[in-house]
C-alpha atoms as a PDB file:
ATOM      1  CA  UNK A   1       0.000   0.000   0.000  1.00  0.00           C
ATOM      2  CA  UNK A   2       2.852   2.372   0.820  1.00  0.00           C
ATOM      3  CA  UNK A   3       4.332   1.851  -2.627  1.00  0.00           C
ATOM      4  CA  UNK A   4       0.978   2.707  -4.250  1.00  0.00           C
ATOM      5  CA  UNK A   5       0.665   5.857  -2.172  1.00  0.00           C
ATOM      6  CA  UNK A   6       4.221   6.820  -3.070  1.00  0.00           C
ATOM      7  CA  UNK A   7       3.445   6.509  -6.800  1.00  0.00           C
ATOM      8  CA  UNK A   8       0.275   8.533  -6.396  1.00  0.00           C
ATOM      9  CA  UNK A   9       2.221  11.165  -4.508  1.00  0.00           C
ATOM     10  CA  UNK A  10       4.647  11.591  -7.377  1.00  0.00           C
ATOM     11  CA  UNK A  11       1.832  11.865  -9.916  1.00  0.00           C
ATOM     12  CA  UNK A  12       0.171  14.679  -8.012  1.00  0.00           C
ATOM     13  CA  UNK A  13       3.297  16.595  -7.025  1.00  0.00           C
ATOM     14  CA  UNK A  14       3.059  20.250  -8.036  1.00  0.00           C
ATOM     15  CA  UNK A  15       6.786  20.603  -8.472  1.00  0.00           C
ATOM     16  CA  UNK A  16       9.351  18.298 -10.020  1.00  0.00           C
ATOM     17  CA  UNK A  17      11.716  16.893  -7.400  1.00  0.00           C
ATOM     18  CA  UNK A  18      15.030  15.291  -8.196  1.00  0.00           C
ATOM     19  CA  UNK A  19      15.062  12.128  -6.100  1.00  0.00           C
ATOM     20  CA  UNK A  20      18.197  10.369  -5.050  1.00  0.00           C
ATOM     21  CA  UNK A  21      17.602   6.618  -4.851  1.00  0.00           C
ATOM     22  CA  UNK A  22      20.165   6.403  -2.029  1.00  0.00           C
ATOM     23  CA  UNK A  23      18.209   8.860   0.113  1.00  0.00           C
ATOM     24  CA  UNK A  24      14.524   8.705   1.061  1.00  0.00           C
ATOM     25  CA  UNK A  25      12.740  11.969   0.164  1.00  0.00           C
ATOM     26  CA  UNK A  26      11.011  13.922   2.881  1.00  0.00           C
ATOM     27  CA  UNK A  27       7.303  14.662   2.867  1.00  0.00           C
ATOM     28  CA  UNK A  28       8.060  18.363   2.349  1.00  0.00           C
ATOM     29  CA  UNK A  29      10.118  17.541  -0.736  1.00  0.00           C
ATOM     30  CA  UNK A  30       7.054  15.743  -2.130  1.00  0.00           C
ATOM     31  CA  UNK A  31       4.899  18.837  -1.421  1.00  0.00           C
ATOM     32  CA  UNK A  32       2.962  17.398   1.516  1.00  0.00           C
ATOM     33  CA  UNK A  33       1.934  19.642   4.398  1.00  0.00           C
ATOM     34  CA  UNK A  34       0.511  19.349   7.900  1.00  0.00           C
ATOM     35  CA  UNK A  35      -1.799  22.289   7.229  1.00  0.00           C
ATOM     36  CA  UNK A  36      -5.409  21.964   6.060  1.00  0.00           C
ATOM     37  CA  UNK A  37      -6.309  23.316   2.651  1.00  0.00           C
ATOM     38  CA  UNK A  38      -9.560  25.305   2.990  1.00  0.00           C
ATOM     39  CA  UNK A  39     -10.419  24.614  -0.674  1.00  0.00           C
ATOM     40  CA  UNK A  40     -10.003  20.847  -0.358  1.00  0.00           C
ATOM     41  CA  UNK A  41     -12.841  18.380   0.226  1.00  0.00           C
ATOM     42  CA  UNK A  42     -12.437  16.237   3.350  1.00  0.00           C
ATOM     43  CA  UNK A  43     -12.118  13.156   1.127  1.00  0.00           C
ATOM     44  CA  UNK A  44      -9.693  14.900  -1.207  1.00  0.00           C
ATOM     45  CA  UNK A  45      -6.453  14.225   0.686  1.00  0.00           C
ATOM     46  CA  UNK A  46      -3.784  11.585   0.306  1.00  0.00           C
ATOM     47  CA  UNK A  47      -1.292  10.918   3.090  1.00  0.00           C
ATOM     48  CA  UNK A  48       2.467  10.940   2.849  1.00  0.00           C
ATOM     49  CA  UNK A  49       3.754   7.341   2.946  1.00  0.00           C
ATOM     50  CA  UNK A  50       6.674   8.298   5.211  1.00  0.00           C
ATOM     51  CA  UNK A  51       4.797  10.377   7.756  1.00  0.00           C
ATOM     52  CA  UNK A  52       1.019  10.246   7.722  1.00  0.00           C
ATOM     53  CA  UNK A  53       0.706  13.454   9.682  1.00  0.00           C
ATOM     54  CA  UNK A  54       1.503  15.093   6.352  1.00  0.00           C
ATOM     55  CA  UNK A  55      -1.167  15.256   3.660  1.00  0.00           C
ATOM     56  CA  UNK A  56      -1.767  16.643   0.191  1.00  0.00           C
ATOM     57  CA  UNK A  57      -4.970  17.715  -1.529  1.00  0.00           C
ATOM     58  CA  UNK A  58      -5.608  15.956  -4.854  1.00  0.00           C
ATOM     59  CA  UNK A  59      -9.208  17.194  -5.250  1.00  0.00           C
ATOM     60  CA  UNK A  60     -10.581  13.675  -5.637  1.00  0.00           C
ATOM     61  CA  UNK A  61     -14.167  14.643  -4.963  1.00  0.00           C
ATOM     62  CA  UNK A  62     -16.889  12.066  -5.725  1.00  0.00           C
ATOM     63  CA  UNK A  63     -19.515  14.613  -6.672  1.00  0.00           C
ATOM     64  CA  UNK A  64     -17.267  16.640  -8.968  1.00  0.00           C
ATOM     65  CA  UNK A  65     -16.403  13.381 -10.759  1.00  0.00           C
ATOM     66  CA  UNK A  66     -20.100  12.702 -11.455  1.00  0.00           C
ATOM     67  CA  UNK A  67     -20.844  10.194  -8.691  1.00  0.00           C
ATOM     68  CA  UNK A  68     -24.161  10.518  -6.831  1.00  0.00           C
ATOM     69  CA  UNK A  69     -25.841   8.762  -3.904  1.00  0.00           C
ATOM     70  CA  UNK A  70     -29.057   7.878  -5.767  1.00  0.00           C
ATOM     71  CA  UNK A  71     -30.153   4.245  -6.086  1.00  0.00           C
ATOM     72  CA  UNK A  72     -29.422   3.082  -9.653  1.00  0.00           C
ATOM     73  CA  UNK A  73     -29.983  -0.659  -9.258  1.00  0.00           C
ATOM     74  CA  UNK A  74     -33.382  -0.702 -10.988  1.00  0.00           C
ATOM     75  CA  UNK A  75     -32.175   0.758 -14.267  1.00  0.00           C
ATOM     76  CA  UNK A  76     -28.379   0.623 -14.493  1.00  0.00           C
ATOM     77  CA  UNK A  77     -26.583  -2.563 -15.451  1.00  0.00           C
ATOM     78  CA  UNK A  78     -23.037  -1.327 -14.762  1.00  0.00           C
ATOM     79  CA  UNK A  79     -22.563   0.537 -11.483  1.00  0.00           C
ATOM     80  CA  UNK A  80     -19.151   1.884 -10.458  1.00  0.00           C
ATOM     81  CA  UNK A  81     -18.399   2.988  -6.884  1.00  0.00           C
ATOM     82  CA  UNK A  82     -16.409   6.078  -5.980  1.00  0.00           C
ATOM     83  CA  UNK A  83     -13.011   4.909  -4.621  1.00  0.00           C
ATOM     84  CA  UNK A  84     -13.019   7.330  -1.695  1.00  0.00           C
ATOM     85  CA  UNK A  85     -16.664   6.908  -0.677  1.00  0.00           C
ATOM     86  CA  UNK A  86     -18.593   3.815  -1.758  1.00  0.00           C
ATOM     87  CA  UNK A  87     -21.945   5.433  -0.971  1.00  0.00           C
ATOM     88  CA  UNK A  88     -21.444   7.464  -4.150  1.00  0.00           C
ATOM     89  CA  UNK A  89     -22.000   5.553  -7.399  1.00  0.00           C
ATOM     90  CA  UNK A  90     -21.900   6.163 -11.141  1.00  0.00           C
ATOM     91  CA  UNK A  91     -23.778   4.377 -13.929  1.00  0.00           C
ATOM     92  CA  UNK A  92     -21.292   3.204 -16.508  1.00  0.00           C
ATOM     93  CA  UNK A  93     -23.664   3.173 -19.466  1.00  0.00           C
ATOM     94  CA  UNK A  94     -21.079   2.507 -22.170  1.00  0.00           C
ATOM     95  CA  UNK A  95     -21.031  -0.986 -23.612  1.00  0.00           C
ATOM     96  CA  UNK A  96     -18.133  -3.411 -23.895  1.00  0.00           C
ATOM     97  CA  UNK A  97     -17.653  -6.602 -25.891  1.00  0.00           C
ATOM     98  CA  UNK A  98     -19.170  -9.475 -23.923  1.00  0.00           C
ATOM     99  CA  UNK A  99     -21.701  -7.312 -22.075  1.00  0.00           C
ATOM    100  CA  UNK A 100     -25.302  -8.399 -21.732  1.00  0.00           C
ATOM    101  CA  UNK A 101     -27.581  -6.078 -23.702  1.00  0.00           C
ATOM    102  CA  UNK A 102     -30.995  -5.392 -22.129  1.00  0.00           C
ATOM    103  CA  UNK A 103     -34.361  -4.458 -23.579  1.00  0.00           C
ATOM    104  CA  UNK A 104     -34.055  -0.889 -22.249  1.00  0.00           C
ATOM    105  CA  UNK A 105     -30.862  -0.278 -24.225  1.00  0.00           C
ATOM    106  CA  UNK A 106     -28.457  -0.579 -21.289  1.00  0.00           C
ATOM    107  CA  UNK A 107     -25.483  -2.907 -20.951  1.00  0.00           C
ATOM    108  CA  UNK A 108     -24.287  -4.874 -17.949  1.00  0.00           C
ATOM    109  CA  UNK A 109     -21.706  -7.372 -16.802  1.00  0.00           C
ATOM    110  CA  UNK A 110     -23.049 -10.914 -16.986  1.00  0.00           C
ATOM    111  CA  UNK A 111     -22.037 -11.557 -13.370  1.00  0.00           C
ATOM    112  CA  UNK A 112     -24.468  -8.803 -12.320  1.00  0.00           C
ATOM    113  CA  UNK A 113     -27.410 -10.325 -14.208  1.00  0.00           C
ATOM    114  CA  UNK A 114     -30.493 -11.439 -12.275  1.00  0.00           C
ATOM    115  CA  UNK A 115     -34.090 -12.204 -13.236  1.00  0.00           C
ATOM    116  CA  UNK A 116     -35.230  -8.633 -12.547  1.00  0.00           C
ATOM    117  CA  UNK A 117     -33.703  -7.645 -15.900  1.00  0.00           C
ATOM    118  CA  UNK A 118     -34.605  -8.694 -19.441  1.00  0.00           C
ATOM    119  CA  UNK A 119     -31.582  -9.698 -21.527  1.00  0.00           C
ATOM    120  CA  UNK A 120     -31.991  -9.698 -25.307  1.00  0.00           C
ATOM    121  CA  UNK A 121     -28.467 -10.219 -26.623  1.00  0.00           C
ATOM    122  CA  UNK A 122     -24.713  -9.983 -26.158  1.00  0.00           C
ATOM    123  CA  UNK A 123     -22.516  -7.140 -27.416  1.00  0.00           C
ATOM    124  CA  UNK A 124     -19.772  -8.288 -29.804  1.00  0.00           C
ATOM    125  CA  UNK A 125     -18.766  -5.083 -31.562  1.00  0.00           C
ATOM    126  CA  UNK A 126     -18.491  -1.491 -30.322  1.00  0.00           C
ATOM    127  CA  UNK A 127     -17.597   1.879 -31.766  1.00  0.00           C
ATOM    128  CA  UNK A 128     -17.498   5.471 -30.531  1.00  0.00           C
ATOM    129  CA  UNK A 129     -16.023   4.306 -27.191  1.00  0.00           C
ATOM    130  CA  UNK A 130     -18.931   1.943 -26.559  1.00  0.00           C
ATOM    131  CA  UNK A 131     -21.750   4.344 -27.309  1.00  0.00           C
ATOM    132  CA  UNK A 132     -22.749   2.310 -30.365  1.00  0.00           C
ATOM    133  CA  UNK A 133     -22.213  -1.233 -31.528  1.00  0.00           C
ATOM    134  CA  UNK A 134     -23.790  -4.526 -32.558  1.00  0.00           C
ATOM    135  CA  UNK A 135     -25.546  -7.259 -30.594  1.00  0.00           C
ATOM    136  CA  UNK A 136     -26.257 -10.917 -31.371  1.00  0.00           C
ATOM    137  CA  UNK A 137     -29.463 -12.443 -30.032  1.00  0.00           C
ATOM    138  CA  UNK A 138     -29.360 -15.128 -27.355  1.00  0.00           C
ATOM    139  CA  UNK A 139     -30.511 -18.272 -29.155  1.00  0.00           C
ATOM    140  CA  UNK A 140     -31.125 -19.794 -32.608  1.00  0.00           C
ATOM    141  CA  UNK A 141     -34.528 -18.965 -34.079  1.00  0.00           C
ATOM    142  CA  UNK A 142     -36.869 -21.882 -34.806  1.00  0.00           C
ATOM    143  CA  UNK A 143     -39.928 -22.601 -36.982  1.00  0.00           C
ATOM    144  CA  UNK A 144     -42.644 -25.211 -37.238  1.00  0.00           C
ATOM    145  CA  UNK A 145     -41.296 -28.233 -39.103  1.00  0.00           C
ATOM    146  CA  UNK A 146     -44.589 -28.938 -40.911  1.00  0.00           C
ATOM    147  CA  UNK A 147     -45.790 -25.488 -41.912  1.00  0.00           C
ATOM    148  CA  UNK A 148     -42.423 -23.633 -41.971  1.00  0.00           C
ATOM    149  CA  UNK A 149     -44.118 -20.781 -40.150  1.00  0.00           C
ATOM    150  CA  UNK A 150     -42.106 -18.638 -37.731  1.00  0.00           C
ATOM    151  CA  UNK A 151     -43.978 -17.665 -34.565  1.00  0.00           C
ATOM    152  CA  UNK A 152     -42.543 -14.362 -33.240  1.00  0.00           C
ATOM    153  CA  UNK A 153     -44.409 -14.823 -29.948  1.00  0.00           C
ATOM    154  CA  UNK A 154     -42.326 -17.951 -29.306  1.00  0.00           C
ATOM    155  CA  UNK A 155     -39.186 -17.481 -31.382  1.00  0.00           C
ATOM    156  CA  UNK A 156     -37.033 -20.169 -29.743  1.00  0.00           C
ATOM    157  CA  UNK A 157     -39.512 -22.917 -28.938  1.00  0.00           C
ATOM    158  CA  UNK A 158     -40.711 -24.469 -32.216  1.00  0.00           C
ATOM    159  CA  UNK A 159     -39.538 -27.957 -33.123  1.00  0.00           C
ATOM    160  CA  UNK A 160     -37.274 -27.100 -36.093  1.00  0.00           C
ATOM    161  CA  UNK A 161     -34.148 -25.291 -34.949  1.00  0.00           C
ATOM    162  CA  UNK A 162     -33.120 -24.351 -38.487  1.00  0.00           C
ATOM    163  CA  UNK A 163     -34.762 -22.048 -41.030  1.00  0.00           C
ATOM    164  CA  UNK A 164     -34.448 -22.148 -44.834  1.00  0.00           C
ATOM    165  CA  UNK A 165     -33.128 -19.065 -46.554  1.00  0.00           C
ATOM    166  CA  UNK A 166     -35.832 -19.369 -49.231  1.00  0.00           C
ATOM    167  CA  UNK A 167     -35.993 -17.699 -52.666  1.00  0.00           C
ATOM    168  CA  UNK A 168     -34.389 -20.702 -54.314  1.00  0.00           C
ATOM    169  CA  UNK A 169     -33.565 -20.100 -57.994  1.00  0.00           C
ATOM    170  CA  UNK A 170     -34.442 -16.431 -57.511  1.00  0.00           C
ATOM    171  CA  UNK A 171     -31.780 -13.911 -58.409  1.00  0.00           C
ATOM    172  CA  UNK A 172     -32.374 -10.735 -56.404  1.00  0.00           C
ATOM    173  CA  UNK A 173     -31.226  -7.809 -58.607  1.00  0.00           C
ATOM    174  CA  UNK A 174     -30.555  -5.506 -55.629  1.00  0.00           C
ATOM    175  CA  UNK A 175     -28.129  -8.011 -54.088  1.00  0.00           C
ATOM    176  CA  UNK A 176     -24.695  -8.530 -55.598  1.00  0.00           C
ATOM    177  CA  UNK A 177     -23.663 -12.115 -56.328  1.00  0.00           C
ATOM    178  CA  UNK A 178     -20.297 -13.330 -55.059  1.00  0.00           C
ATOM    179  CA  UNK A 179     -19.642 -16.524 -57.051  1.00  0.00           C
ATOM    180  CA  UNK A 180     -16.285 -17.387 -55.520  1.00  0.00           C
ATOM    181  CA  UNK A 181     -15.440 -21.049 -55.297  1.00  0.00           C
ATOM    182  CA  UNK A 182     -12.018 -19.847 -54.212  1.00  0.00           C
ATOM    183  CA  UNK A 183     -12.597 -18.833 -50.582  1.00  0.00           C
ATOM    184  CA  UNK A 184      -9.348 -16.849 -50.496  1.00  0.00           C
ATOM    185  CA  UNK A 185     -10.899 -14.439 -52.992  1.00  0.00           C
ATOM    186  CA  UNK A 186     -13.886 -14.019 -50.691  1.00  0.00           C
ATOM    187  CA  UNK A 187     -11.584 -13.356 -47.730  1.00  0.00           C
ATOM    188  CA  UNK A 188      -9.699 -10.739 -49.734  1.00  0.00           C
ATOM    189  CA  UNK A 189     -12.910  -8.891 -50.528  1.00  0.00           C
ATOM    190  CA  UNK A 190     -13.907  -9.058 -46.876  1.00  0.00           C
ATOM    191  CA  UNK A 191     -10.585  -7.552 -45.836  1.00  0.00           C
ATOM    192  CA  UNK A 192     -11.220  -4.685 -48.260  1.00  0.00           C
ATOM    193  CA  UNK A 193     -14.667  -4.222 -46.636  1.00  0.00           C
ATOM    194  CA  UNK A 194     -16.074  -3.807 -50.119  1.00  0.00           C
ATOM    195  CA  UNK A 195     -19.440  -4.201 -51.823  1.00  0.00           C
ATOM    196  CA  UNK A 196     -22.491  -5.202 -49.774  1.00  0.00           C
ATOM    197  CA  UNK A 197     -20.801  -7.785 -47.562  1.00  0.00           C
ATOM    198  CA  UNK A 198     -21.306  -5.650 -44.453  1.00  0.00           C
ATOM    199  CA  UNK A 199     -24.841  -4.467 -45.198  1.00  0.00           C
ATOM    200  CA  UNK A 200     -26.899  -7.186 -43.561  1.00  0.00           C
ATOM    201  CA  UNK A 201     -29.528  -4.786 -42.271  1.00  0.00           C
ATOM    202  CA  UNK A 202     -30.259  -3.328 -45.704  1.00  0.00           C
ATOM    203  CA  UNK A 203     -30.138  -6.697 -47.434  1.00  0.00           C
ATOM    204  CA  UNK A 204     -32.560  -8.264 -44.953  1.00  0.00           C
ATOM    205  CA  UNK A 205     -35.144  -5.628 -45.846  1.00  0.00           C
ATOM    206  CA  UNK A 206     -34.516  -6.208 -49.564  1.00  0.00           C
ATOM    207  CA  UNK A 207     -34.919  -9.977 -49.232  1.00  0.00           C
ATOM    208  CA  UNK A 208     -38.104  -9.709 -47.178  1.00  0.00           C
ATOM    209  CA  UNK A 209     -39.742  -7.655 -49.937  1.00  0.00           C
ATOM    210  CA  UNK A 210     -38.693 -10.040 -52.712  1.00  0.00           C
ATOM    211  CA  UNK A 211     -41.098 -12.527 -54.251  1.00  0.00           C
ATOM    212  CA  UNK A 212     -39.959 -15.201 -56.743  1.00  0.00           C
ATOM    213  CA  UNK A 213     -40.667 -14.575 -60.382  1.00  0.00           C
ATOM    214  CA  UNK A 214     -43.071 -16.901 -62.167  1.00  0.00           C
ATOM    215  CA  UNK A 215     -41.391 -20.231 -62.758  1.00  0.00           C
ATOM    216  CA  UNK A 216     -38.215 -19.305 -60.894  1.00  0.00           C
ATOM    217  CA  UNK A 217     -38.917 -21.254 -57.718  1.00  0.00           C
ATOM    218  CA  UNK A 218     -37.752 -24.760 -58.658  1.00  0.00           C
ATOM    219  CA  UNK A 219     -39.489 -24.406 -62.017  1.00  0.00           C
ATOM    220  CA  UNK A 220     -42.721 -23.226 -60.426  1.00  0.00           C
ATOM    221  CA  UNK A 221     -43.597 -26.580 -58.871  1.00  0.00           C
ATOM    222  CA  UNK A 222     -44.874 -25.124 -55.611  1.00  0.00           C
ATOM    223  CA  UNK A 223     -48.164 -23.400 -54.971  1.00  0.00           C
ATOM    224  CA  UNK A 224     -48.462 -20.303 -52.824  1.00  0.00           C
ATOM    225  CA  UNK A 225     -49.639 -20.650 -49.224  1.00  0.00           C
ATOM    226  CA  UNK A 226     -48.207 -24.155 -48.892  1.00  0.00           C
ATOM    227  CA  UNK A 227     -45.391 -25.375 -46.613  1.00  0.00           C
ATOM    228  CA  UNK A 228     -43.166 -26.134 -49.593  1.00  0.00           C
ATOM    229  CA  UNK A 229     -43.683 -22.632 -50.954  1.00  0.00           C
ATOM    230  CA  UNK A 230     -42.615 -21.193 -47.578  1.00  0.00           C
ATOM    231  CA  UNK A 231     -39.622 -23.519 -47.518  1.00  0.00           C
ATOM    232  CA  UNK A 232     -38.343 -22.952 -51.033  1.00  0.00           C
ATOM    233  CA  UNK A 233     -39.858 -19.791 -52.452  1.00  0.00           C
ATOM    234  CA  UNK A 234     -40.414 -17.094 -49.830  1.00  0.00           C
ATOM    235  CA  UNK A 235     -37.675 -15.168 -48.036  1.00  0.00           C
ATOM    236  CA  UNK A 236     -38.379 -17.243 -44.949  1.00  0.00           C
ATOM    237  CA  UNK A 237     -35.275 -16.432 -42.893  1.00  0.00           C
ATOM    238  CA  UNK A 238     -35.323 -12.703 -43.667  1.00  0.00           C
ATOM    239  CA  UNK A 239     -39.002 -12.395 -42.761  1.00  0.00           C
ATOM    240  CA  UNK A 240     -38.379 -14.273 -39.512  1.00  0.00           C
ATOM    241  CA  UNK A 241     -35.572 -11.846 -38.636  1.00  0.00           C
ATOM    242  CA  UNK A 242     -37.795  -8.805 -39.143  1.00  0.00           C
ATOM    243  CA  UNK A 243     -40.683 -10.389 -37.213  1.00  0.00           C
ATOM    244  CA  UNK A 244     -38.450 -11.367 -34.287  1.00  0.00           C
ATOM    245  CA  UNK A 245     -38.648  -9.715 -30.905  1.00  0.00           C
ATOM    246  CA  UNK A 246     -37.002 -11.219 -27.786  1.00  0.00           C
ATOM    247  CA  UNK A 247     -39.081 -13.195 -25.259  1.00  0.00           C
ATOM    248  CA  UNK A 248     -40.486 -11.195 -22.322  1.00  0.00           C
ATOM    249  CA  UNK A 249     -40.314  -7.980 -24.370  1.00  0.00           C
ATOM    250  CA  UNK A 250     -42.775  -6.051 -26.485  1.00  0.00           C
ATOM    251  CA  UNK A 251     -42.935  -6.267 -30.301  1.00  0.00           C
ATOM    252  CA  UNK A 252     -43.304  -2.482 -30.286  1.00  0.00           C
ATOM    253  CA  UNK A 253     -40.173  -1.822 -28.216  1.00  0.00           C
ATOM    254  CA  UNK A 254     -38.476   1.072 -30.066  1.00  0.00           C
ATOM    255  CA  UNK A 255     -35.009  -0.292 -29.274  1.00  0.00           C
ATOM    256  CA  UNK A 256     -35.307  -4.071 -29.559  1.00  0.00           C
ATOM    257  CA  UNK A 257     -38.734  -4.787 -31.063  1.00  0.00           C
ATOM    258  CA  UNK A 258     -39.832  -6.060 -34.447  1.00  0.00           C
ATOM    259  CA  UNK A 259     -38.015  -4.607 -37.424  1.00  0.00           C
ATOM    260  CA  UNK A 260     -34.881  -3.781 -35.434  1.00  0.00           C
ATOM    261  CA  UNK A 261     -33.125  -7.131 -35.922  1.00  0.00           C
ATOM    262  CA  UNK A 262     -31.595  -8.401 -39.161  1.00  0.00           C
ATOM    263  CA  UNK A 263     -29.809 -11.305 -40.806  1.00  0.00           C
ATOM    264  CA  UNK A 264     -26.073 -10.638 -40.897  1.00  0.00           C
ATOM    265  CA  UNK A 265     -24.208 -10.443 -44.172  1.00  0.00           C
ATOM    266  CA  UNK A 266     -21.048 -12.531 -44.391  1.00  0.00           C
ATOM    267  CA  UNK A 267     -18.946  -9.485 -43.479  1.00  0.00           C
ATOM    268  CA  UNK A 268     -21.034  -8.918 -40.353  1.00  0.00           C
ATOM    269  CA  UNK A 269     -20.341 -12.540 -39.412  1.00  0.00           C
ATOM    270  CA  UNK A 270     -16.654 -11.913 -40.060  1.00  0.00           C
ATOM    271  CA  UNK A 271     -16.699  -9.108 -37.460  1.00  0.00           C
ATOM    272  CA  UNK A 272     -18.212 -11.581 -35.014  1.00  0.00           C
ATOM    273  CA  UNK A 273     -15.433 -14.165 -35.386  1.00  0.00           C
ATOM    274  CA  UNK A 274     -12.731 -12.710 -33.181  1.00  0.00           C
ATOM    275  CA  UNK A 275     -14.930 -11.997 -30.111  1.00  0.00           C
ATOM    276  CA  UNK A 276     -17.039 -15.171 -30.456  1.00  0.00           C
ATOM    277  CA  UNK A 277     -15.355 -16.891 -27.499  1.00  0.00           C
ATOM    278  CA  UNK A 278     -16.082 -13.901 -25.254  1.00  0.00           C
ATOM    279  CA  UNK A 279     -19.699 -13.914 -26.446  1.00  0.00           C
ATOM    280  CA  UNK A 280     -20.007 -17.653 -25.815  1.00  0.00           C
ATOM    281  CA  UNK A 281     -18.716 -17.227 -22.269  1.00  0.00           C
ATOM    282  CA  UNK A 282     -21.479 -14.680 -21.612  1.00  0.00           C
ATOM    283  CA  UNK A 283     -24.134 -16.893 -23.238  1.00  0.00           C
ATOM    284  CA  UNK A 284     -23.028 -19.837 -21.092  1.00  0.00           C
ATOM    285  CA  UNK A 285     -23.289 -17.816 -17.871  1.00  0.00           C
ATOM    286  CA  UNK A 286     -26.696 -16.432 -18.871  1.00  0.00           C
ATOM    287  CA  UNK A 287     -27.991 -19.968 -19.463  1.00  0.00           C
ATOM    288  CA  UNK A 288     -26.633 -21.055 -16.078  1.00  0.00           C
ATOM    289  CA  UNK A 289     -28.507 -18.150 -14.493  1.00  0.00           C
ATOM    290  CA  UNK A 290     -31.781 -19.280 -16.081  1.00  0.00           C
ATOM    291  CA  UNK A 291     -32.005 -17.043 -19.148  1.00  0.00           C
ATOM    292  CA  UNK A 292     -33.092 -18.373 -22.541  1.00  0.00           C
ATOM    293  CA  UNK A 293     -29.604 -18.446 -24.039  1.00  0.00           C
ATOM    294  CA  UNK A 294     -27.346 -20.926 -25.850  1.00  0.00           C
ATOM    295  CA  UNK A 295     -23.767 -20.869 -27.068  1.00  0.00           C
ATOM    296  CA  UNK A 296     -22.809 -20.961 -30.728  1.00  0.00           C
ATOM    297  CA  UNK A 297     -20.876 -24.214 -31.193  1.00  0.00           C
ATOM    298  CA  UNK A 298     -19.950 -26.836 -33.775  1.00  0.00           C
ATOM    299  CA  UNK A 299     -23.327 -28.481 -33.088  1.00  0.00           C
ATOM    300  CA  UNK A 300     -25.172 -25.480 -34.543  1.00  0.00           C
ATOM    301  CA  UNK A 301     -22.361 -24.688 -36.877  1.00  0.00           C
ATOM    302  CA  UNK A 302     -23.503 -23.295 -40.215  1.00  0.00           C
ATOM    303  CA  UNK A 303     -25.359 -19.996 -39.819  1.00  0.00           C
ATOM    304  CA  UNK A 304     -27.157 -18.178 -42.616  1.00  0.00           C
ATOM    305  CA  UNK A 305     -26.055 -14.855 -44.119  1.00  0.00           C
ATOM    306  CA  UNK A 306     -27.635 -12.447 -46.593  1.00  0.00           C
ATOM    307  CA  UNK A 307     -24.640 -12.671 -48.953  1.00  0.00           C
ATOM    308  CA  UNK A 308     -25.586 -14.567 -52.089  1.00  0.00           C
ATOM    309  CA  UNK A 309     -23.311 -16.735 -54.179  1.00  0.00           C
ATOM    310  CA  UNK A 310     -25.753 -17.286 -57.049  1.00  0.00           C
ATOM    311  CA  UNK A 311     -29.502 -17.578 -57.394  1.00  0.00           C
ATOM    312  CA  UNK A 312     -29.338 -21.056 -55.865  1.00  0.00           C
ATOM    313  CA  UNK A 313     -26.904 -20.615 -52.958  1.00  0.00           C
ATOM    314  CA  UNK A 314     -25.729 -18.235 -50.244  1.00  0.00           C
ATOM    315  CA  UNK A 315     -22.658 -17.957 -48.081  1.00  0.00           C
ATOM    316  CA  UNK A 316     -22.754 -19.302 -44.555  1.00  0.00           C
ATOM    317  CA  UNK A 317     -20.296 -19.298 -41.674  1.00  0.00           C
ATOM    318  CA  UNK A 318     -19.297 -22.107 -39.305  1.00  0.00           C
ATOM    319  CA  UNK A 319     -19.452 -20.979 -35.705  1.00  0.00           C
ATOM    320  CA  UNK A 320     -16.789 -23.331 -34.385  1.00  0.00           C
ATOM    321  CA  UNK A 321     -13.927 -22.176 -36.619  1.00  0.00           C
ATOM    322  CA  UNK A 322     -15.299 -19.274 -38.715  1.00  0.00           C
ATOM    323  CA  UNK A 323     -14.866 -21.108 -42.005  1.00  0.00           C
ATOM    324  CA  UNK A 324     -16.940 -19.918 -44.957  1.00  0.00           C
ATOM    325  CA  UNK A 325     -19.256 -22.298 -46.772  1.00  0.00           C
ATOM    326  CA  UNK A 326     -21.815 -22.405 -49.564  1.00  0.00           C
ATOM    327  CA  UNK A 327     -25.272 -23.857 -49.015  1.00  0.00           C
ATOM    328  CA  UNK A 328     -28.360 -24.143 -51.175  1.00  0.00           C
ATOM    329  CA  UNK A 329     -31.069 -21.662 -50.302  1.00  0.00           C
ATOM    330  CA  UNK A 330     -33.693 -24.372 -49.803  1.00  0.00           C
ATOM    331  CA  UNK A 331     -31.545 -26.123 -47.188  1.00  0.00           C
ATOM    332  CA  UNK A 332     -32.498 -25.107 -43.605  1.00  0.00           C
ATOM    333  CA  UNK A 333     -29.670 -23.603 -41.567  1.00  0.00           C
ATOM    334  CA  UNK A 334     -29.222 -22.039 -38.148  1.00  0.00           C
ATOM    335  CA  UNK A 335     -30.330 -18.425 -37.797  1.00  0.00           C
ATOM    336  CA  UNK A 336     -29.062 -15.805 -35.393  1.00  0.00           C
ATOM    337  CA  UNK A 337     -29.976 -12.179 -35.795  1.00  0.00           C
ATOM    338  CA  UNK A 338     -28.073  -8.948 -35.111  1.00  0.00           C
ATOM    339  CA  UNK A 339     -29.120  -5.582 -33.697  1.00  0.00           C
ATOM    340  CA  UNK A 340     -27.331  -2.244 -34.033  1.00  0.00           C
ATOM    341  CA  UNK A 341     -27.483   0.239 -31.157  1.00  0.00           C
END
């Protein structure tokens, strides 16, 4: 403790002092005094490590630093205590990678989570010093295995844990094709952050508004309003993403309700790769605490993206090793959705 106080003393010295390592400096040489400073708060002093009858004002006042004594537990997920007086606290509202993201737009450490709060996702990307970023939802979406209908009121509980991309044999003019059998070429384009590979939010809206042209959906063999039509012809995954709202929340929530979530493009998935282990650690702890959450593992490996290869296939990403893959649009795959804040 004395060594810490000594370092602090040097930092707050008003005058440079040449110290001889062979001789211990005096408290006066370090600008300490036995006199009170009338402008100093009672909690604003540090003591000299060599003689604690000497003190120095460092103006470390809880209130001037923004700490208050109000109770923040009902709305703040990240509470910091003032070092000199723990009755003063500060809400640390900025988000960090691995934080739990709540339905009221606040972030919190997973260790502080309890069932009085409503988690909706985990932060995996931040910008502007944590004021903005991107969230992944807590669990794979699911649909009814017979009707291929997604129920937004129960997004995680249907019997089929994978959702088809849809729009098979339908080339969407507004979406650029990336027909790379050479995955290194795809990686190079991702590194350049080019084209629409990072525009999952926009592309989800485009897909959801797209209907197959006559005869394009597997040669027109499927009738509208049938399970096969939903499986092969409609933009099933994109429409599920836009209809999604997290359990125990409102579909009209202006921050996390319907229309706020989207299917990631392959570049958005690429941003997720590096922090995925941190995200999984948070998802694991949330599940242990009773939240509806599940890790992304090899078992639910290939996840859908909005990046198309051709009219028949889109790019997917494996969650265990972040490898890229191509899958036919009519083949059901795992679906997680993202949210920007």
